[in-house]
N, C-alpha and C. Protein backbone atom coordinates (compact mmCIF):
# COMPACT_ATOMS: atom_id res chain seq x y z
N MET A 1 -6.83 -33.12 20.60
CA MET A 1 -6.21 -32.37 19.52
C MET A 1 -7.28 -31.74 18.63
N LYS A 2 -8.37 -32.47 18.43
CA LYS A 2 -9.43 -31.96 17.56
C LYS A 2 -10.05 -30.70 18.15
N ARG A 3 -10.22 -30.66 19.46
CA ARG A 3 -10.81 -29.48 20.11
C ARG A 3 -9.92 -28.26 19.90
N HIS A 4 -8.60 -28.46 19.94
CA HIS A 4 -7.66 -27.36 19.71
C HIS A 4 -7.83 -26.81 18.30
N ASP A 5 -7.98 -27.68 17.31
CA ASP A 5 -8.18 -27.25 15.93
C ASP A 5 -9.49 -26.49 15.77
N GLU A 6 -10.53 -26.95 16.49
CA GLU A 6 -11.82 -26.27 16.42
C GLU A 6 -11.72 -24.86 16.99
N ARG A 7 -11.01 -24.72 18.12
CA ARG A 7 -10.85 -23.39 18.72
C ARG A 7 -10.05 -22.48 17.81
N ARG A 8 -9.03 -23.02 17.17
CA ARG A 8 -8.22 -22.22 16.24
C ARG A 8 -9.07 -21.77 15.06
N ASP A 9 -9.91 -22.66 14.54
CA ASP A 9 -10.80 -22.30 13.43
C ASP A 9 -11.79 -21.23 13.84
N GLU A 10 -12.34 -21.36 15.06
CA GLU A 10 -13.28 -20.36 15.56
C GLU A 10 -12.59 -19.01 15.71
N CYS A 11 -11.37 -19.01 16.20
CA CYS A 11 -10.62 -17.77 16.38
C CYS A 11 -10.34 -17.12 15.02
N ALA A 12 -9.93 -17.91 14.05
CA ALA A 12 -9.65 -17.39 12.71
C ALA A 12 -10.92 -16.82 12.08
N ALA A 13 -12.03 -17.50 12.27
CA ALA A 13 -13.30 -17.01 11.72
C ALA A 13 -13.69 -15.70 12.40
N SER A 14 -13.45 -15.60 13.69
CA SER A 14 -13.77 -14.39 14.43
C SER A 14 -12.92 -13.22 13.94
N VAL A 15 -11.65 -13.46 13.71
CA VAL A 15 -10.76 -12.41 13.21
C VAL A 15 -11.21 -11.94 11.84
N GLU A 16 -11.54 -12.88 10.97
CA GLU A 16 -11.99 -12.53 9.62
C GLU A 16 -13.30 -11.77 9.67
N THR A 17 -14.21 -12.19 10.52
CA THR A 17 -15.49 -11.49 10.66
C THR A 17 -15.26 -10.05 11.12
N GLU A 18 -14.39 -9.88 12.08
CA GLU A 18 -14.08 -8.53 12.59
C GLU A 18 -13.48 -7.67 11.47
N ARG A 19 -12.62 -8.24 10.65
CA ARG A 19 -12.02 -7.50 9.54
C ARG A 19 -13.09 -7.05 8.54
N VAL A 20 -14.04 -7.92 8.25
CA VAL A 20 -15.12 -7.57 7.33
C VAL A 20 -15.98 -6.46 7.91
N PHE A 21 -16.32 -6.57 9.20
CA PHE A 21 -17.12 -5.52 9.84
C PHE A 21 -16.38 -4.18 9.83
N GLU A 22 -15.08 -4.20 10.07
CA GLU A 22 -14.30 -2.96 10.04
C GLU A 22 -14.35 -2.34 8.65
N GLY A 23 -14.31 -3.19 7.62
CA GLY A 23 -14.40 -2.69 6.25
C GLY A 23 -15.72 -2.00 5.98
N PHE A 24 -16.80 -2.54 6.50
CA PHE A 24 -18.12 -1.92 6.33
C PHE A 24 -18.23 -0.62 7.13
N ASP A 25 -17.61 -0.62 8.29
CA ASP A 25 -17.69 0.55 9.16
C ASP A 25 -16.74 1.68 8.74
N ALA A 26 -15.78 1.37 7.92
CA ALA A 26 -14.79 2.38 7.53
C ALA A 26 -15.48 3.51 6.76
N SER A 27 -15.05 4.69 7.05
CA SER A 27 -15.62 5.85 6.36
C SER A 27 -15.09 5.89 4.93
N ARG A 28 -15.74 6.68 4.10
CA ARG A 28 -15.32 6.81 2.71
C ARG A 28 -13.87 7.29 2.61
N SER A 29 -13.48 8.24 3.46
CA SER A 29 -12.11 8.75 3.40
C SER A 29 -11.10 7.68 3.80
N GLU A 30 -11.46 6.84 4.76
CA GLU A 30 -10.56 5.75 5.17
C GLU A 30 -10.38 4.75 4.04
N ARG A 31 -11.48 4.44 3.34
CA ARG A 31 -11.39 3.50 2.21
C ARG A 31 -10.56 4.10 1.08
N LEU A 32 -10.75 5.38 0.82
CA LEU A 32 -9.97 6.04 -0.24
C LEU A 32 -8.49 6.06 0.12
N ARG A 33 -8.19 6.34 1.39
CA ARG A 33 -6.79 6.35 1.83
C ARG A 33 -6.17 4.97 1.64
N LYS A 34 -6.91 3.93 1.97
CA LYS A 34 -6.40 2.57 1.80
C LYS A 34 -6.17 2.27 0.32
N GLU A 35 -7.09 2.70 -0.54
CA GLU A 35 -6.92 2.49 -1.98
C GLU A 35 -5.71 3.25 -2.50
N GLU A 36 -5.49 4.47 -1.99
CA GLU A 36 -4.32 5.25 -2.39
C GLU A 36 -3.04 4.56 -1.94
N GLU A 37 -3.04 4.02 -0.73
CA GLU A 37 -1.86 3.30 -0.23
C GLU A 37 -1.58 2.07 -1.09
N ASP A 38 -2.64 1.36 -1.46
CA ASP A 38 -2.47 0.18 -2.31
C ASP A 38 -1.93 0.57 -3.68
N GLU A 39 -2.46 1.67 -4.24
CA GLU A 39 -1.99 2.14 -5.55
C GLU A 39 -0.53 2.57 -5.47
N ARG A 40 -0.16 3.26 -4.40
CA ARG A 40 1.23 3.68 -4.22
C ARG A 40 2.14 2.46 -4.13
N ALA A 41 1.72 1.45 -3.40
CA ALA A 41 2.52 0.23 -3.27
C ALA A 41 2.68 -0.45 -4.63
N ARG A 42 1.61 -0.46 -5.45
CA ARG A 42 1.72 -1.05 -6.79
C ARG A 42 2.70 -0.25 -7.67
N ARG A 43 2.62 1.08 -7.59
CA ARG A 43 3.52 1.91 -8.40
C ARG A 43 4.97 1.70 -7.98
N ILE A 44 5.22 1.62 -6.68
CA ILE A 44 6.58 1.40 -6.19
C ILE A 44 7.09 0.04 -6.64
N ALA A 45 6.26 -0.99 -6.55
CA ALA A 45 6.66 -2.33 -6.99
C ALA A 45 6.99 -2.33 -8.48
N LYS A 46 6.18 -1.62 -9.27
CA LYS A 46 6.43 -1.54 -10.72
C LYS A 46 7.75 -0.83 -10.99
N LEU A 47 7.98 0.27 -10.29
CA LEU A 47 9.21 1.03 -10.47
C LEU A 47 10.43 0.18 -10.09
N LYS A 48 10.34 -0.54 -8.98
CA LYS A 48 11.44 -1.40 -8.56
C LYS A 48 11.73 -2.47 -9.60
N SER A 49 10.68 -3.05 -10.16
CA SER A 49 10.90 -4.10 -11.17
C SER A 49 11.53 -3.52 -12.44
N GLU A 50 11.13 -2.28 -12.82
CA GLU A 50 11.73 -1.63 -13.98
C GLU A 50 13.21 -1.35 -13.73
N ILE A 51 13.53 -0.91 -12.52
CA ILE A 51 14.92 -0.62 -12.18
C ILE A 51 15.75 -1.90 -12.22
N LEU A 52 15.23 -2.96 -11.60
CA LEU A 52 15.96 -4.22 -11.57
C LEU A 52 16.17 -4.82 -12.96
N SER A 53 15.18 -4.64 -13.84
CA SER A 53 15.28 -5.22 -15.18
C SER A 53 16.06 -4.33 -16.14
N GLY A 54 16.39 -3.11 -15.70
CA GLY A 54 17.13 -2.20 -16.57
C GLY A 54 16.26 -1.43 -17.54
N GLN A 55 14.95 -1.48 -17.39
CA GLN A 55 14.03 -0.80 -18.29
C GLN A 55 13.71 0.63 -17.85
N TYR A 56 14.06 0.98 -16.65
CA TYR A 56 13.71 2.31 -16.12
C TYR A 56 14.55 3.38 -16.79
N ARG A 57 13.89 4.41 -17.29
CA ARG A 57 14.56 5.56 -17.89
C ARG A 57 14.07 6.80 -17.14
N PRO A 58 14.91 7.34 -16.27
CA PRO A 58 14.48 8.49 -15.47
C PRO A 58 14.27 9.74 -16.33
N ASP A 59 13.34 10.57 -15.91
CA ASP A 59 13.09 11.85 -16.56
C ASP A 59 14.04 12.87 -15.92
N VAL A 60 15.08 13.25 -16.67
CA VAL A 60 16.12 14.11 -16.13
C VAL A 60 15.55 15.47 -15.69
N LYS A 61 14.62 16.01 -16.44
CA LYS A 61 14.03 17.29 -16.07
C LYS A 61 13.24 17.18 -14.76
N ASP A 62 12.54 16.08 -14.58
CA ASP A 62 11.78 15.86 -13.35
C ASP A 62 12.73 15.73 -12.16
N ILE A 63 13.82 15.02 -12.34
CA ILE A 63 14.80 14.86 -11.27
C ILE A 63 15.42 16.20 -10.91
N ALA A 64 15.75 17.00 -11.92
CA ALA A 64 16.33 18.32 -11.68
C ALA A 64 15.34 19.20 -10.91
N ARG A 65 14.06 19.14 -11.28
CA ARG A 65 13.04 19.93 -10.59
C ARG A 65 12.92 19.50 -9.13
N LEU A 66 12.93 18.20 -8.89
CA LEU A 66 12.82 17.70 -7.52
C LEU A 66 14.03 18.11 -6.68
N LEU A 67 15.22 18.03 -7.27
CA LEU A 67 16.43 18.43 -6.53
C LEU A 67 16.42 19.93 -6.24
N THR A 68 16.00 20.72 -7.21
CA THR A 68 15.94 22.17 -7.04
C THR A 68 14.93 22.53 -5.95
N SER A 69 13.77 21.91 -5.98
CA SER A 69 12.76 22.22 -4.96
C SER A 69 13.19 21.73 -3.58
N ALA A 70 14.02 20.70 -3.51
CA ALA A 70 14.51 20.24 -2.22
C ALA A 70 15.48 21.25 -1.62
N MET A 71 16.22 21.94 -2.48
CA MET A 71 17.17 22.96 -1.99
C MET A 71 16.44 24.27 -1.65
N ASP A 72 15.39 24.60 -2.42
CA ASP A 72 14.63 25.82 -2.20
C ASP A 72 13.15 25.47 -2.18
N PRO A 73 12.55 25.28 -1.02
CA PRO A 73 11.16 24.83 -0.94
C PRO A 73 10.14 25.83 -1.48
N THR A 74 10.56 27.06 -1.80
CA THR A 74 9.62 28.03 -2.35
C THR A 74 9.35 27.79 -3.83
N LEU A 75 10.14 26.93 -4.45
CA LEU A 75 9.95 26.66 -5.89
C LEU A 75 8.84 25.69 -6.13
């Protein structure tokens, strides 16, 4: 049983090492894209929590602009 745990630990360490190496090898644009994705996820989570708590107050003008541009993409 102990040998199985050792192999699992080695595998986990190998996966983590590979993840770290990929982070170093990632280009600047890839890192920026990941940061943007993380920021978007944080904003969405914040918005969801505001909606659930009843604190969200939509900007009616912004919603109207988005609906108008969805109907006419030239706007």
